[in-house]
Amino acid sequence: MEIALIAHDKKKEDMVRFVLAYQHIFQKHHLYATGTTGKRIMEATGMKVHRFQSGPYGGDQEIGALIAKHVNLPLPFIYIEQKNYFLVHLSLSLVLNLCIT
């Protein structure tokens, strides 16, 4: 299974802890992530992660495009920082909308 991991600024450490806690499950699957999130997960776990651009540089949209094309990306995990929800909503709105349709 392909799994996408996206974490907004201050949620990156939460995402890393989440992946570490379930590493025994995640290591059985193909992981995709936006740039910095993927880098931090790779550093913490040693697992291979296909990294897209950082979110502000189009990484969210790259993952969204895969979801829109139904290219084997059925399970996205997105950690959103509530404090900056409006800004996050703008950058992740495509991905979020695709996930609920």
PDB file of N, CA and C in Angstrom:
ATOM      1  N   MET A   1       0.844  -1.167   0.000  1.00  0.00           N
ATOM      2  CA  MET A   1       0.000   0.000   0.000  1.00  0.00           C
ATOM      3  C   MET A   1       0.896   1.238   0.000  1.00  0.00           C
ATOM      4  N   GLU A   2       0.443   2.262  -0.669  1.00  0.00           N
ATOM      5  CA  GLU A   2       1.133   3.548  -0.682  1.00  0.00           C
ATOM      6  C   GLU A   2       0.501   4.459   0.357  1.00  0.00           C
ATOM      7  N   ILE A   3       1.340   5.140   1.136  1.00  0.00           N
ATOM      8  CA  ILE A   3       0.871   6.012   2.202  1.00  0.00           C
ATOM      9  C   ILE A   3       1.533   7.373   2.045  1.00  0.00           C
ATOM     10  N   ALA A   4       0.717   8.425   2.070  1.00  0.00           N
ATOM     11  CA  ALA A   4       1.230   9.795   1.979  1.00  0.00           C
ATOM     12  C   ALA A   4       1.244  10.431   3.359  1.00  0.00           C
ATOM     13  N   LEU A   5       2.331  11.145   3.657  1.00  0.00           N
ATOM     14  CA  LEU A   5       2.501  11.785   4.964  1.00  0.00           C
ATOM     15  C   LEU A   5       2.774  13.270   4.754  1.00  0.00           C
ATOM     16  N   ILE A   6       1.893  14.101   5.295  1.00  0.00           N
ATOM     17  CA  ILE A   6       2.036  15.549   5.191  1.00  0.00           C
ATOM     18  C   ILE A   6       1.881  16.119   6.599  1.00  0.00           C
ATOM     19  N   ALA A   7       2.820  16.941   7.030  1.00  0.00           N
ATOM     20  CA  ALA A   7       2.720  17.566   8.353  1.00  0.00           C
ATOM     21  C   ALA A   7       3.076  19.041   8.239  1.00  0.00           C
ATOM     22  N   HIS A   8       2.202  19.881   8.744  1.00  0.00           N
ATOM     23  CA  HIS A   8       2.461  21.309   8.757  1.00  0.00           C
ATOM     24  C   HIS A   8       3.516  21.630   9.815  1.00  0.00           C
ATOM     25  N   ASP A   9       4.129  22.783   9.682  1.00  0.00           N
ATOM     26  CA  ASP A   9       5.288  23.223  10.462  1.00  0.00           C
ATOM     27  C   ASP A   9       5.479  22.571  11.829  1.00  0.00           C
ATOM     28  N   LYS A  10       4.719  22.995  12.797  1.00  0.00           N
ATOM     29  CA  LYS A  10       4.949  22.533  14.167  1.00  0.00           C
ATOM     30  C   LYS A  10       4.390  21.141  14.428  1.00  0.00           C
ATOM     31  N   LYS A  11       3.819  20.506  13.435  1.00  0.00           N
ATOM     32  CA  LYS A  11       3.282  19.153  13.574  1.00  0.00           C
ATOM     33  C   LYS A  11       4.249  18.097  13.052  1.00  0.00           C
ATOM     34  N   LYS A  12       5.378  18.516  12.514  1.00  0.00           N
ATOM     35  CA  LYS A  12       6.332  17.558  11.950  1.00  0.00           C
ATOM     36  C   LYS A  12       6.846  16.575  13.000  1.00  0.00           C
ATOM     37  N   GLU A  13       7.148  17.065  14.195  1.00  0.00           N
ATOM     38  CA  GLU A  13       7.631  16.167  15.246  1.00  0.00           C
ATOM     39  C   GLU A  13       6.543  15.188  15.671  1.00  0.00           C
ATOM     40  N   ASP A  14       5.284  15.641  15.679  1.00  0.00           N
ATOM     41  CA  ASP A  14       4.175  14.726  15.973  1.00  0.00           C
ATOM     42  C   ASP A  14       4.106  13.623  14.927  1.00  0.00           C
ATOM     43  N   MET A  15       4.296  13.993  13.666  1.00  0.00           N
ATOM     44  CA  MET A  15       4.262  13.003  12.588  1.00  0.00           C
ATOM     45  C   MET A  15       5.405  12.008  12.746  1.00  0.00           C
ATOM     46  N   VAL A  16       6.593  12.496  13.067  1.00  0.00           N
ATOM     47  CA  VAL A  16       7.742  11.601  13.257  1.00  0.00           C
ATOM     48  C   VAL A  16       7.463  10.631  14.403  1.00  0.00           C
ATOM     49  N   ARG A  17       6.922  11.136  15.507  1.00  0.00           N
ATOM     50  CA  ARG A  17       6.593  10.250  16.635  1.00  0.00           C
ATOM     51  C   ARG A  17       5.537   9.217  16.240  1.00  0.00           C
ATOM     52  N   PHE A  18       4.565   9.627  15.450  1.00  0.00           N
ATOM     53  CA  PHE A  18       3.519   8.725  14.965  1.00  0.00           C
ATOM     54  C   PHE A  18       4.123   7.604  14.119  1.00  0.00           C
ATOM     55  N   VAL A  19       4.996   7.974  13.191  1.00  0.00           N
ATOM     56  CA  VAL A  19       5.626   6.971  12.327  1.00  0.00           C
ATOM     57  C   VAL A  19       6.539   6.062  13.147  1.00  0.00           C
ATOM     58  N   LEU A  20       7.282   6.617  14.093  1.00  0.00           N
ATOM     59  CA  LEU A  20       8.128   5.782  14.948  1.00  0.00           C
ATOM     60  C   LEU A  20       7.297   4.785  15.754  1.00  0.00           C
ATOM     61  N   ALA A  21       6.161   5.239  16.273  1.00  0.00           N
ATOM     62  CA  ALA A  21       5.307   4.365  17.079  1.00  0.00           C
ATOM     63  C   ALA A  21       4.746   3.204  16.260  1.00  0.00           C
ATOM     64  N   TYR A  22       4.513   3.449  14.976  1.00  0.00           N
ATOM     65  CA  TYR A  22       3.931   2.421  14.108  1.00  0.00           C
ATOM     66  C   TYR A  22       4.894   1.994  13.004  1.00  0.00           C
ATOM     67  N   GLN A  23       6.173   2.150  13.276  1.00  0.00           N
ATOM     68  CA  GLN A  23       7.187   1.826  12.267  1.00  0.00           C
ATOM     69  C   GLN A  23       7.051   0.389  11.777  1.00  0.00           C
ATOM     70  N   HIS A  24       6.704  -0.519  12.667  1.00  0.00           N
ATOM     71  CA  HIS A  24       6.553  -1.915  12.275  1.00  0.00           C
ATOM     72  C   HIS A  24       5.463  -2.098  11.210  1.00  0.00           C
ATOM     73  N   ILE A  25       4.517  -1.185  11.150  1.00  0.00           N
ATOM     74  CA  ILE A  25       3.477  -1.224  10.112  1.00  0.00           C
ATOM     75  C   ILE A  25       3.937  -0.439   8.883  1.00  0.00           C
ATOM     76  N   PHE A  26       4.424   0.783   9.107  1.00  0.00           N
ATOM     77  CA  PHE A  26       4.832   1.637   7.991  1.00  0.00           C
ATOM     78  C   PHE A  26       5.943   1.012   7.149  1.00  0.00           C
ATOM     79  N   GLN A  27       6.848   0.270   7.756  1.00  0.00           N
ATOM     80  CA  GLN A  27       7.973  -0.284   6.996  1.00  0.00           C
ATOM     81  C   GLN A  27       7.539  -1.339   5.980  1.00  0.00           C
ATOM     82  N   LYS A  28       6.311  -1.797   6.060  1.00  0.00           N
ATOM     83  CA  LYS A  28       5.785  -2.780   5.116  1.00  0.00           C
ATOM     84  C   LYS A  28       5.159  -2.125   3.885  1.00  0.00           C
ATOM     85  N   HIS A  29       5.153  -0.791   3.854  1.00  0.00           N
ATOM     86  CA  HIS A  29       4.463  -0.060   2.797  1.00  0.00           C
ATOM     87  C   HIS A  29       5.381   0.963   2.131  1.00  0.00           C
ATOM     88  N   HIS A  30       4.928   1.510   1.016  1.00  0.00           N
ATOM     89  CA  HIS A  30       5.670   2.563   0.315  1.00  0.00           C
ATOM     90  C   HIS A  30       5.226   3.904   0.879  1.00  0.00           C
ATOM     91  N   LEU A  31       6.193   4.695   1.321  1.00  0.00           N
ATOM     92  CA  LEU A  31       5.880   5.984   1.933  1.00  0.00           C
ATOM     93  C   LEU A  31       6.214   7.132   0.992  1.00  0.00           C
ATOM     94  N   TYR A  32       5.329   8.105   0.981  1.00  0.00           N
ATOM     95  CA  TYR A  32       5.498   9.340   0.217  1.00  0.00           C
ATOM     96  C   TYR A  32       5.309  10.487   1.198  1.00  0.00           C
ATOM     97  N   ALA A  33       6.043  11.566   1.030  1.00  0.00           N
ATOM     98  CA  ALA A  33       5.895  12.707   1.938  1.00  0.00           C
ATOM     99  C   ALA A  33       6.338  13.980   1.244  1.00  0.00           C
ATOM    100  N   THR A  34       5.877  15.091   1.796  1.00  0.00           N
ATOM    101  CA  THR A  34       6.398  16.371   1.352  1.00  0.00           C
ATOM    102  C   THR A  34       7.834  16.479   1.862  1.00  0.00           C
ATOM    103  N   GLY A  35       8.590  17.390   1.304  1.00  0.00           N
ATOM    104  CA  GLY A  35      10.036  17.459   1.490  1.00  0.00           C
ATOM    105  C   GLY A  35      10.595  17.340   2.889  1.00  0.00           C
ATOM    106  N   THR A  36      10.319  18.310   3.732  1.00  0.00           N
ATOM    107  CA  THR A  36      10.912  18.327   5.064  1.00  0.00           C
ATOM    108  C   THR A  36      10.343  17.216   5.940  1.00  0.00           C
ATOM    109  N   THR A  37       9.062  16.959   5.820  1.00  0.00           N
ATOM    110  CA  THR A  37       8.452  15.872   6.589  1.00  0.00           C
ATOM    111  C   THR A  37       9.126  14.553   6.238  1.00  0.00           C
ATOM    112  N   GLY A  38       9.298  14.296   4.956  1.00  0.00           N
ATOM    113  CA  GLY A  38       9.953  13.066   4.523  1.00  0.00           C
ATOM    114  C   GLY A  38      11.382  12.967   5.016  1.00  0.00           C
ATOM    115  N   LYS A  39      12.094  14.062   4.967  1.00  0.00           N
ATOM    116  CA  LYS A  39      13.484  14.075   5.431  1.00  0.00           C
ATOM    117  C   LYS A  39      13.567  13.720   6.916  1.00  0.00           C
ATOM    118  N   ARG A  40      12.702  14.319   7.714  1.00  0.00           N
ATOM    119  CA  ARG A  40      12.715  14.046   9.156  1.00  0.00           C
ATOM    120  C   ARG A  40      12.329  12.600   9.462  1.00  0.00           C
ATOM    121  N   ILE A  41      11.383  12.057   8.714  1.00  0.00           N
ATOM    122  CA  ILE A  41      10.988  10.662   8.917  1.00  0.00           C
ATOM    123  C   ILE A  41      12.144   9.735   8.546  1.00  0.00           C
ATOM    124  N   MET A  42      12.816  10.009   7.449  1.00  0.00           N
ATOM    125  CA  MET A  42      13.954   9.181   7.026  1.00  0.00           C
ATOM    126  C   MET A  42      15.067   9.230   8.062  1.00  0.00           C
ATOM    127  N   GLU A  43      15.365  10.420   8.564  1.00  0.00           N
ATOM    128  CA  GLU A  43      16.429  10.562   9.558  1.00  0.00           C
ATOM    129  C   GLU A  43      16.100   9.816  10.851  1.00  0.00           C
ATOM    130  N   ALA A  44      14.833   9.859  11.255  1.00  0.00           N
ATOM    131  CA  ALA A  44      14.435   9.251  12.522  1.00  0.00           C
ATOM    132  C   ALA A  44      14.283   7.730  12.437  1.00  0.00           C
ATOM    133  N   THR A  45      13.890   7.233  11.263  1.00  0.00           N
ATOM    134  CA  THR A  45      13.550   5.813  11.155  1.00  0.00           C
ATOM    135  C   THR A  45      14.512   5.002  10.298  1.00  0.00           C
ATOM    136  N   GLY A  46      15.215   5.667   9.388  1.00  0.00           N
ATOM    137  CA  GLY A  46      16.054   4.946   8.438  1.00  0.00           C
ATOM    138  C   GLY A  46      15.260   4.322   7.297  1.00  0.00           C
ATOM    139  N   MET A  47      13.950   4.569   7.267  1.00  0.00           N
ATOM    140  CA  MET A  47      13.108   4.013   6.205  1.00  0.00           C
ATOM    141  C   MET A  47      13.226   4.863   4.943  1.00  0.00           C
ATOM    142  N   LYS A  48      12.971   4.226   3.823  1.00  0.00           N
ATOM    143  CA  LYS A  48      12.963   4.927   2.545  1.00  0.00           C
ATOM    144  C   LYS A  48      11.626   5.662   2.395  1.00  0.00           C
ATOM    145  N   VAL A  49      11.709   6.934   2.019  1.00  0.00           N
ATOM    146  CA  VAL A  49      10.519   7.762   1.803  1.00  0.00           C
ATOM    147  C   VAL A  49      10.700   8.504   0.487  1.00  0.00           C
ATOM    148  N   HIS A  50       9.732   8.364  -0.422  1.00  0.00           N
ATOM    149  CA  HIS A  50       9.774   9.155  -1.656  1.00  0.00           C
ATOM    150  C   HIS A  50       9.356  10.576  -1.281  1.00  0.00           C
ATOM    151  N   ARG A  51      10.280  11.515  -1.487  1.00  0.00           N
ATOM    152  CA  ARG A  51      10.021  12.896  -1.100  1.00  0.00           C
ATOM    153  C   ARG A  51       9.636  13.743  -2.295  1.00  0.00           C
ATOM    154  N   PHE A  52       8.554  14.491  -2.112  1.00  0.00           N
ATOM    155  CA  PHE A  52       8.155  15.497  -3.086  1.00  0.00           C
ATOM    156  C   PHE A  52       8.738  16.835  -2.628  1.00  0.00           C
ATOM    157  N   GLN A  53       8.389  17.897  -3.315  1.00  0.00           N
ATOM    158  CA  GLN A  53       8.818  19.232  -2.903  1.00  0.00           C
ATOM    159  C   GLN A  53       8.235  19.536  -1.527  1.00  0.00           C
ATOM    160  N   SER A  54       8.802  20.509  -0.840  1.00  0.00           N
ATOM    161  CA  SER A  54       8.187  20.986   0.403  1.00  0.00           C
ATOM    162  C   SER A  54       6.802  21.524   0.080  1.00  0.00           C
ATOM    163  N   GLY A  55       5.918  21.474   1.066  1.00  0.00           N
ATOM    164  CA  GLY A  55       4.537  21.908   0.855  1.00  0.00           C
ATOM    165  C   GLY A  55       4.387  23.261   0.190  1.00  0.00           C
ATOM    166  N   PRO A  56       5.060  24.313   0.694  1.00  0.00           N
ATOM    167  CA  PRO A  56       4.905  25.631   0.098  1.00  0.00           C
ATOM    168  C   PRO A  56       5.422  25.726  -1.343  1.00  0.00           C
ATOM    169  N   TYR A  57       6.221  24.757  -1.741  1.00  0.00           N
ATOM    170  CA  TYR A  57       6.783  24.767  -3.097  1.00  0.00           C
ATOM    171  C   TYR A  57       6.089  23.761  -4.015  1.00  0.00           C
ATOM    172  N   GLY A  58       4.910  23.296  -3.608  1.00  0.00           N
ATOM    173  CA  GLY A  58       4.122  22.447  -4.485  1.00  0.00           C
ATOM    174  C   GLY A  58       4.017  20.989  -4.078  1.00  0.00           C
ATOM    175  N   GLY A  59       4.647  20.593  -2.985  1.00  0.00           N
ATOM    176  CA  GLY A  59       4.597  19.196  -2.568  1.00  0.00           C
ATOM    177  C   GLY A  59       3.194  18.711  -2.241  1.00  0.00           C
ATOM    178  N   ASP A  60       2.403  19.576  -1.593  1.00  0.00           N
ATOM    179  CA  ASP A  60       1.015  19.211  -1.295  1.00  0.00           C
ATOM    180  C   ASP A  60       0.260  18.926  -2.587  1.00  0.00           C
ATOM    181  N   GLN A  61       0.477  19.782  -3.576  1.00  0.00           N
ATOM    182  CA  GLN A  61      -0.211  19.620  -4.847  1.00  0.00           C
ATOM    183  C   GLN A  61       0.273  18.381  -5.605  1.00  0.00           C
ATOM    184  N   GLU A  62       1.561  18.043  -5.474  1.00  0.00           N
ATOM    185  CA  GLU A  62       2.072  16.832  -6.119  1.00  0.00           C
ATOM    186  C   GLU A  62       1.378  15.596  -5.549  1.00  0.00           C
ATOM    187  N   ILE A  63       1.218  15.559  -4.234  1.00  0.00           N
ATOM    188  CA  ILE A  63       0.505  14.443  -3.623  1.00  0.00           C
ATOM    189  C   ILE A  63      -0.962  14.488  -4.022  1.00  0.00           C
ATOM    190  N   GLY A  64      -1.542  15.676  -4.042  1.00  0.00           N
ATOM    191  CA  GLY A  64      -2.930  15.827  -4.474  1.00  0.00           C
ATOM    192  C   GLY A  64      -3.142  15.333  -5.897  1.00  0.00           C
ATOM    193  N   ALA A  65      -2.177  15.590  -6.767  1.00  0.00           N
ATOM    194  CA  ALA A  65      -2.294  15.122  -8.158  1.00  0.00           C
ATOM    195  C   ALA A  65      -2.316  13.599  -8.225  1.00  0.00           C
ATOM    196  N   LEU A  66      -1.513  12.935  -7.401  1.00  0.00           N
ATOM    197  CA  LEU A  66      -1.531  11.478  -7.376  1.00  0.00           C
ATOM    198  C   LEU A  66      -2.870  10.953  -6.889  1.00  0.00           C
ATOM    199  N   ILE A  67      -3.420  11.599  -5.861  1.00  0.00           N
ATOM    200  CA  ILE A  67      -4.723  11.183  -5.350  1.00  0.00           C
ATOM    201  C   ILE A  67      -5.787  11.396  -6.421  1.00  0.00           C
ATOM    202  N   ALA A  68      -5.745  12.553  -7.104  1.00  0.00           N
ATOM    203  CA  ALA A  68      -6.728  12.854  -8.141  1.00  0.00           C
ATOM    204  C   ALA A  68      -6.669  11.855  -9.291  1.00  0.00           C
ATOM    205  N   LYS A  69      -5.470  11.387  -9.610  1.00  0.00           N
ATOM    206  CA  LYS A  69      -5.304  10.414 -10.694  1.00  0.00           C
ATOM    207  C   LYS A  69      -5.543   8.988 -10.215  1.00  0.00           C
ATOM    208  N   HIS A  70      -5.802   8.847  -8.925  1.00  0.00           N
ATOM    209  CA  HIS A  70      -6.012   7.526  -8.320  1.00  0.00           C
ATOM    210  C   HIS A  70      -4.810   6.617  -8.550  1.00  0.00           C
ATOM    211  N   VAL A  71      -3.621   7.191  -8.402  1.00  0.00           N
ATOM    212  CA  VAL A  71      -2.389   6.445  -8.622  1.00  0.00           C
ATOM    213  C   VAL A  71      -1.954   5.787  -7.313  1.00  0.00           C
ATOM    214  N   ASN A  72      -2.619   4.728  -6.935  1.00  0.00           N
ATOM    215  CA  ASN A  72      -2.210   3.906  -5.793  1.00  0.00           C
ATOM    216  C   ASN A  72      -1.826   4.701  -4.552  1.00  0.00           C
ATOM    217  N   LEU A  73      -2.572   5.710  -4.220  1.00  0.00           N
ATOM    218  CA  LEU A  73      -2.276   6.484  -3.022  1.00  0.00           C
ATOM    219  C   LEU A  73      -3.543   6.585  -2.169  1.00  0.00           C
ATOM    220  N   PRO A  74      -3.963   5.463  -1.596  1.00  0.00           N
ATOM    221  CA  PRO A  74      -5.265   5.463  -0.939  1.00  0.00           C
ATOM    222  C   PRO A  74      -5.268   5.960   0.505  1.00  0.00           C
ATOM    223  N   LEU A  75      -4.112   6.148   1.125  1.00  0.00           N
ATOM    224  CA  LEU A  75      -4.122   6.426   2.557  1.00  0.00           C
ATOM    225  C   LEU A  75      -3.248   7.618   2.929  1.00  0.00           C
ATOM    226  N   PRO A  76      -3.799   8.836   2.910  1.00  0.00           N
ATOM    227  CA  PRO A  76      -3.007   9.994   3.337  1.00  0.00           C
ATOM    228  C   PRO A  76      -3.174  10.265   4.837  1.00  0.00           C
ATOM    229  N   PHE A  77      -2.085  10.632   5.499  1.00  0.00           N
ATOM    230  CA  PHE A  77      -2.097  11.105   6.880  1.00  0.00           C
ATOM    231  C   PHE A  77      -1.661  12.557   6.837  1.00  0.00           C
ATOM    232  N   ILE A  78      -2.496  13.450   7.367  1.00  0.00           N
ATOM    233  CA  ILE A  78      -2.196  14.876   7.326  1.00  0.00           C
ATOM    234  C   ILE A  78      -2.302  15.429   8.745  1.00  0.00           C
ATOM    235  N   TYR A  79      -1.211  16.022   9.236  1.00  0.00           N
ATOM    236  CA  TYR A  79      -1.209  16.666  10.555  1.00  0.00           C
ATOM    237  C   TYR A  79      -1.251  18.170  10.324  1.00  0.00           C
ATOM    238  N   ILE A  80      -2.321  18.802  10.799  1.00  0.00           N
ATOM    239  CA  ILE A  80      -2.532  20.225  10.566  1.00  0.00           C
ATOM    240  C   ILE A  80      -2.372  21.000  11.871  1.00  0.00           C
ATOM    241  N   GLU A  81      -1.686  22.110  11.778  1.00  0.00           N
ATOM    242  CA  GLU A  81      -1.509  23.006  12.923  1.00  0.00           C
ATOM    243  C   GLU A  81      -2.727  23.924  12.997  1.00  0.00           C
ATOM    244  N   GLN A  82      -3.537  23.778  14.042  1.00  0.00           N
ATOM    245  CA  GLN A  82      -4.767  24.558  14.148  1.00  0.00           C
ATOM    246  C   GLN A  82      -4.524  26.055  14.202  1.00  0.00           C
ATOM    247  N   LYS A  83      -3.445  26.452  14.822  1.00  0.00           N
ATOM    248  CA  LYS A  83      -3.147  27.885  14.990  1.00  0.00           C
ATOM    249  C   LYS A  83      -3.108  28.596  13.635  1.00  0.00           C
ATOM    250  N   ASN A  84      -2.585  27.952  12.630  1.00  0.00           N
ATOM    251  CA  ASN A  84      -2.479  28.552  11.294  1.00  0.00           C
ATOM    252  C   ASN A  84      -3.415  27.869  10.314  1.00  0.00           C
ATOM    253  N   TYR A  85      -4.599  27.467  10.773  1.00  0.00           N
ATOM    254  CA  TYR A  85      -5.500  26.691   9.932  1.00  0.00           C
ATOM    255  C   TYR A  85      -5.821  27.397   8.623  1.00  0.00           C
ATOM    256  N   PHE A  86      -6.041  28.712   8.660  1.00  0.00           N
ATOM    257  CA  PHE A  86      -6.403  29.421   7.433  1.00  0.00           C
ATOM    258  C   PHE A  86      -5.323  29.264   6.369  1.00  0.00           C
ATOM    259  N   LEU A  87      -4.051  29.444   6.765  1.00  0.00           N
ATOM    260  CA  LEU A  87      -2.955  29.297   5.808  1.00  0.00           C
ATOM    261  C   LEU A  87      -2.827  27.848   5.340  1.00  0.00           C
ATOM    262  N   VAL A  88      -3.005  26.932   6.267  1.00  0.00           N
ATOM    263  CA  VAL A  88      -2.927  25.515   5.914  1.00  0.00           C
ATOM    264  C   VAL A  88      -4.052  25.170   4.958  1.00  0.00           C
ATOM    265  N   HIS A  89      -5.238  25.704   5.242  1.00  0.00           N
ATOM    266  CA  HIS A  89      -6.378  25.411   4.390  1.00  0.00           C
ATOM    267  C   HIS A  89      -6.103  25.831   2.948  1.00  0.00           C
ATOM    268  N   LEU A  90      -5.468  26.963   2.775  1.00  0.00           N
ATOM    269  CA  LEU A  90      -5.161  27.418   1.430  1.00  0.00           C
ATOM    270  C   LEU A  90      -4.203  26.467   0.718  1.00  0.00           C
ATOM    271  N   SER A  91      -3.176  26.008   1.413  1.00  0.00           N
ATOM    272  CA  SER A  91      -2.174  25.171   0.763  1.00  0.00           C
ATOM    273  C   SER A  91      -2.588  23.714   0.650  1.00  0.00           C
ATOM    274  N   LEU A  92      -3.478  23.254   1.519  1.00  0.00           N
ATOM    275  CA  LEU A  92      -3.876  21.854   1.509  1.00  0.00           C
ATOM    276  C   LEU A  92      -5.311  21.619   1.048  1.00  0.00           C
ATOM    277  N   SER A  93      -6.013  22.663   0.654  1.00  0.00           N
ATOM    278  CA  SER A  93      -7.423  22.511   0.322  1.00  0.00           C
ATOM    279  C   SER A  93      -7.650  21.487  -0.774  1.00  0.00           C
ATOM    280  N   LEU A  94      -6.798  21.451  -1.772  1.00  0.00           N
ATOM    281  CA  LEU A  94      -6.962  20.464  -2.839  1.00  0.00           C
ATOM    282  C   LEU A  94      -6.824  19.055  -2.284  1.00  0.00           C
ATOM    283  N   VAL A  95      -5.801  18.820  -1.503  1.00  0.00           N
ATOM    284  CA  VAL A  95      -5.560  17.492  -0.947  1.00  0.00           C
ATOM    285  C   VAL A  95      -6.704  17.097  -0.020  1.00  0.00           C
ATOM    286  N   LEU A  96      -7.121  17.997   0.862  1.00  0.00           N
ATOM    287  CA  LEU A  96      -8.200  17.681   1.790  1.00  0.00           C
ATOM    288  C   LEU A  96      -9.491  17.366   1.045  1.00  0.00           C
ATOM    289  N   ASN A  97      -9.823  18.169   0.034  1.00  0.00           N
ATOM    290  CA  ASN A  97     -11.039  17.920  -0.743  1.00  0.00           C
ATOM    291  C   ASN A  97     -10.970  16.581  -1.466  1.00  0.00           C
ATOM    292  N   LEU A  98      -9.838  16.230  -1.992  1.00  0.00           N
ATOM    293  CA  LEU A  98      -9.706  14.951  -2.687  1.00  0.00           C
ATOM    294  C   LEU A  98      -9.844  13.780  -1.726  1.00  0.00           C
ATOM    295  N   CYS A  99      -9.392  13.965  -0.500  1.00  0.00           N
ATOM    296  CA  CYS A  99      -9.451  12.886   0.487  1.00  0.00           C
ATOM    297  C   CYS A  99     -10.864  12.573   0.932  1.00  0.00           C
ATOM    298  N   ILE A 100     -11.757  13.546   0.879  1.00  0.00           N
ATOM    299  CA  ILE A 100     -13.116  13.303   1.363  1.00  0.00           C
ATOM    300  C   ILE A 100     -14.103  13.030   0.234  1.00  0.00           C
ATOM    301  N   THR A 101     -13.635  13.012  -0.995  1.00  0.00           N
ATOM    302  CA  THR A 101     -14.558  12.717  -2.101  1.00  0.00           C
ATOM    303  C   THR A 101     -14.396  11.296  -2.586  1.00  0.00           C
TER     304      THR A 101
END
